[in-house]
C-alpha cells in the first residue's frame, strides 16, 4: 500500500480503485464467498488518499473495517447524535463499529483494532471473526465505501461507547433492533438482515 502526500490536517484513508476489485456492477449486501481475491486486491492495490476527495469519487472504494458486536443473542445497538461529522448519518441507528483505515494502522486489521480502542470502552479485546465484504452502490455513502465485516462476542463483558456526545449504545434484544430497523443505517440493515438469518 502506498500513501499520497497530503497537507497538514488532511486525513488520508485507504481506498482501492473500483476497477481493481470487480468489473461492472457490484453486489448489494454481505458477500461471504470468494472474498480472498478481493482482500488480496485491497492489499496489492490499496492507496492512502485524502478523505475529502475520496468521499466524492465513486471510482474508488474506501475500505472500512466494520464490526458487529454481540453478547450472546443480544446486539450492540448505537444511535448517532447530530454532533457527528457526517450529516448523512445523524440520528441513525447502527449495529456496526467501524471507520476508515489510516496510514498508521498498517492494514485493515490494524484499522479494526484502532477503531475498537477508539470507539468503545471495554476492558478486553475480543476475537474478531471475518464474515465477508459489505457493498451497496445504491446508497450515496455506500457507493464510495466497501466494508470488511467482522463479528465478535462480548461474552457477558461490559462495553460502552466512548464518544457519548456523538453516540449512545448498549446491548439490546433482537426485538429492539427490529423495532428501529427502518432507522438503521443502510449498511446496518444489510448486516443485521444477513447475520440475523444465519444459524
Protein backbone atom coordinates (compact mmCIF):
# COMPACT_ATOMS: atom_id res chain seq x y z
CA UNK A 1 0.00 0.00 0.00
CA UNK A 2 1.16 3.49 -0.70
CA UNK A 3 0.16 6.88 0.62
CA UNK A 4 -0.20 10.13 -1.29
CA UNK A 5 1.40 13.16 0.29
CA UNK A 6 -1.25 15.36 1.90
CA UNK A 7 -1.19 18.74 3.54
CA UNK A 8 -1.24 19.21 7.28
CA UNK A 9 -4.57 18.30 8.82
CA UNK A 10 -5.71 16.26 5.80
CA UNK A 11 -6.86 12.77 6.73
CA UNK A 12 -5.54 10.01 4.50
CA UNK A 13 -7.76 6.94 4.12
CA UNK A 14 -7.25 3.56 2.49
CA UNK A 15 -9.00 3.13 -0.83
CA UNK A 16 -8.86 0.88 -3.86
CA UNK A 17 -9.82 1.66 -7.46
CA UNK A 18 -13.20 0.03 -8.05
CA UNK A 19 -11.89 -1.44 -11.31
CA UNK A 20 -9.24 -3.36 -9.33
CA UNK A 21 -11.96 -5.04 -7.25
CA UNK A 22 -14.53 -6.06 -9.86
CA UNK A 23 -15.78 -5.29 -13.36
CA UNK A 24 -19.28 -3.96 -13.88
CA UNK A 25 -21.82 -3.63 -11.12
CA UNK A 26 -21.09 -4.76 -7.59
CA UNK A 27 -23.36 -6.76 -5.32
CA UNK A 28 -25.64 -5.49 -2.56
CA UNK A 29 -25.28 -6.93 0.94
CA UNK A 30 -22.66 -9.16 2.52
CA UNK A 31 -20.62 -11.36 0.22
CA UNK A 32 -19.31 -14.38 2.08
CA UNK A 33 -17.84 -16.46 -0.75
CA UNK A 34 -14.76 -15.83 -2.89
CA UNK A 35 -13.67 -12.87 -0.80
CA UNK A 36 -9.95 -13.69 -0.66
CA UNK A 37 -9.25 -12.38 -4.19
CA UNK A 38 -10.87 -9.09 -3.18
CA UNK A 39 -8.89 -8.94 0.06
CA UNK A 40 -5.74 -9.62 -1.96
CA UNK A 41 -6.66 -6.75 -4.30
CA UNK A 42 -7.01 -4.45 -1.29
CA UNK A 43 -3.55 -5.46 -0.07
CA UNK A 44 -1.98 -5.12 -3.52
CA UNK A 45 -3.71 -2.02 -4.90
CA UNK A 46 -4.73 -0.11 -1.80
CA UNK A 47 -3.62 3.51 -1.57
CA UNK A 48 -4.00 6.16 1.11
CA UNK A 49 -5.73 9.18 -0.38
CA UNK A 50 -7.20 12.42 1.02
CA UNK A 51 -10.58 11.63 2.52
CA UNK A 52 -12.31 14.78 1.31
CA UNK A 53 -11.72 13.88 -2.35
CA UNK A 54 -12.31 10.14 -1.82
CA UNK A 55 -15.77 10.82 -0.40
CA UNK A 56 -16.78 12.35 -3.75
CA UNK A 57 -15.21 9.74 -6.06
CA UNK A 58 -17.23 6.54 -6.67
CA UNK A 59 -14.49 5.23 -8.97
CA UNK A 60 -12.70 4.41 -5.68
CA UNK A 61 -13.86 2.34 -2.73
CA UNK A 62 -12.73 3.45 0.73
CA UNK A 63 -12.13 0.36 2.86
CA UNK A 64 -13.98 0.22 6.19
CA UNK A 65 -13.45 -2.48 8.85
CA UNK A 66 -16.98 -2.99 10.20
CA UNK A 67 -17.53 -4.89 13.44
CA UNK A 68 -20.93 -6.26 14.50
CA UNK A 69 -20.64 -6.83 18.24
CA UNK A 70 -22.87 -9.32 20.01
CA UNK A 71 -23.32 -10.53 23.57
CA UNK A 72 -24.77 -13.96 23.00
CA UNK A 73 -28.18 -13.30 21.39
CA UNK A 74 -28.06 -9.56 22.08
CA UNK A 75 -26.82 -6.89 19.66
CA UNK A 76 -24.74 -3.79 20.42
CA UNK A 77 -27.01 -1.06 19.08
CA UNK A 78 -25.82 2.53 18.73
CA UNK A 79 -27.51 5.77 17.79
CA UNK A 80 -25.63 8.71 16.29
CA UNK A 81 -26.35 12.21 17.53
CA UNK A 82 -26.24 15.41 15.48
CA UNK A 83 -22.73 16.06 16.79
CA UNK A 84 -21.16 13.52 14.42
CA UNK A 85 -19.16 14.63 11.42
CA UNK A 86 -21.24 13.05 8.63
CA UNK A 87 -24.66 14.70 8.41
CA UNK A 88 -25.89 11.79 6.27
CA UNK A 89 -25.76 9.60 9.41
CA UNK A 90 -27.28 11.93 12.03
CA UNK A 91 -29.99 10.34 14.23
CA UNK A 92 -29.49 6.98 12.54
CA UNK A 93 -29.02 3.68 14.36
CA UNK A 94 -26.13 1.30 13.76
CA UNK A 95 -25.07 -2.22 14.70
CA UNK A 96 -21.60 -1.67 13.22
CA UNK A 97 -18.46 -0.29 14.84
CA UNK A 98 -16.07 0.88 12.19
CA UNK A 99 -14.22 3.61 10.39
CA UNK A 100 -11.59 4.43 7.83
CA UNK A 101 -8.15 2.85 7.70
CA UNK A 102 -5.34 5.39 8.15
CA UNK A 103 -1.62 5.04 7.28
CA UNK A 104 -0.65 4.44 10.90
CA UNK A 105 -2.93 1.39 11.04
CA UNK A 106 -0.85 -0.55 8.54
CA UNK A 107 -3.72 -2.61 7.20
CA UNK A 108 -7.43 -3.37 7.62
CA UNK A 109 -6.97 -5.46 10.76
CA UNK A 110 -4.90 -2.66 12.28
CA UNK A 111 -7.70 -0.23 11.48
CA UNK A 112 -10.19 -2.57 13.14
CA UNK A 113 -8.12 -2.77 16.34
CA UNK A 114 -7.73 1.03 16.44
CA UNK A 115 -11.46 1.60 15.90
CA UNK A 116 -12.23 -0.83 18.72
CA UNK A 117 -9.94 1.10 21.06
CA UNK A 118 -11.28 4.50 19.96
CA UNK A 119 -15.00 3.81 19.67
CA UNK A 120 -15.77 1.73 22.74
CA UNK A 121 -14.72 1.43 26.36
CA UNK A 122 -14.02 -2.21 27.18
CA UNK A 123 -11.53 -3.96 29.40
CA UNK A 124 -10.81 -6.63 26.81
CA UNK A 125 -10.06 -7.19 23.16
CA UNK A 126 -12.38 -9.78 21.60
CA UNK A 127 -11.61 -12.35 18.97
CA UNK A 128 -12.59 -10.79 15.63
CA UNK A 129 -14.11 -13.21 13.12
CA UNK A 130 -14.08 -12.21 9.44
CA UNK A 131 -17.53 -12.70 7.89
CA UNK A 132 -17.27 -11.19 4.40
CA UNK A 133 -17.43 -7.97 2.40
CA UNK A 134 -20.30 -5.50 2.50
CA UNK A 135 -21.24 -3.42 -0.53
CA UNK A 136 -24.17 -1.21 -1.50
CA UNK A 137 -23.83 1.06 -4.52
CA UNK A 138 -27.48 2.16 -4.32
CA UNK A 139 -26.71 4.41 -1.34
CA UNK A 140 -24.59 7.62 -1.61
CA UNK A 141 -22.49 6.65 1.42
CA UNK A 142 -22.17 3.02 0.34
CA UNK A 143 -21.21 3.96 -3.21
CA UNK A 144 -17.80 5.17 -2.04
CA UNK A 145 -17.15 2.58 0.68
CA UNK A 146 -16.56 -1.18 0.94
CA UNK A 147 -16.97 -2.86 4.31
CA UNK A 148 -14.82 -5.69 5.63
CA UNK A 149 -17.29 -7.26 8.07
CA UNK A 150 -16.29 -8.90 11.33
CA UNK A 151 -18.25 -10.22 14.30
CA UNK A 152 -17.21 -10.59 17.93
CA UNK A 153 -18.88 -11.70 21.16
CA UNK A 154 -18.52 -9.73 24.38
CA UNK A 155 -19.37 -12.90 26.34
CA UNK A 156 -21.03 -11.01 29.18
CA UNK A 157 -18.33 -8.36 29.48
CA UNK A 158 -19.24 -4.68 29.73
CA UNK A 159 -18.94 -2.43 26.68
CA UNK A 160 -19.86 1.27 26.44
CA UNK A 161 -19.32 3.94 23.79
CA UNK A 162 -16.51 6.45 24.34
CA UNK A 163 -17.78 9.50 22.43
CA UNK A 164 -21.00 9.97 24.37
CA UNK A 165 -21.54 13.39 22.78
CA UNK A 166 -21.74 11.73 19.36
CA UNK A 167 -23.11 8.27 20.17
CA UNK A 168 -25.18 6.26 22.60
CA UNK A 169 -25.01 2.48 22.69
CA UNK A 170 -25.96 -0.63 24.62
CA UNK A 171 -26.63 -4.33 24.17
CA UNK A 172 -30.29 -4.91 23.32
CA UNK A 173 -32.55 -7.81 22.42
CA UNK A 174 -33.21 -8.64 18.78
CA UNK A 175 -36.73 -7.25 19.05
CA UNK A 176 -35.34 -3.80 19.87
CA UNK A 177 -33.22 -3.81 16.70
CA UNK A 178 -36.22 -4.92 14.67
CA UNK A 179 -38.24 -2.06 16.16
CA UNK A 180 -35.82 0.53 14.72
CA UNK A 181 -34.94 -1.37 11.55
CA UNK A 182 -36.21 1.43 9.32
CA UNK A 183 -33.95 3.90 11.11
CA UNK A 184 -30.82 1.77 10.83
CA UNK A 185 -28.06 2.98 8.55
CA UNK A 186 -28.24 1.09 5.27
CA UNK A 187 -25.14 -0.98 6.00
CA UNK A 188 -26.56 -1.91 9.38
CA UNK A 189 -29.83 -3.01 7.81
CA UNK A 190 -27.94 -5.25 5.39
CA UNK A 191 -25.60 -6.61 8.07
CA UNK A 192 -28.41 -7.27 10.54
CA UNK A 193 -30.59 -9.00 7.95
CA UNK A 194 -27.72 -11.24 6.87
CA UNK A 195 -26.44 -12.13 10.33
CA UNK A 196 -29.91 -12.50 11.84
CA UNK A 197 -30.78 -15.03 9.16
CA UNK A 198 -27.59 -17.04 9.76
CA UNK A 199 -27.67 -20.00 12.11
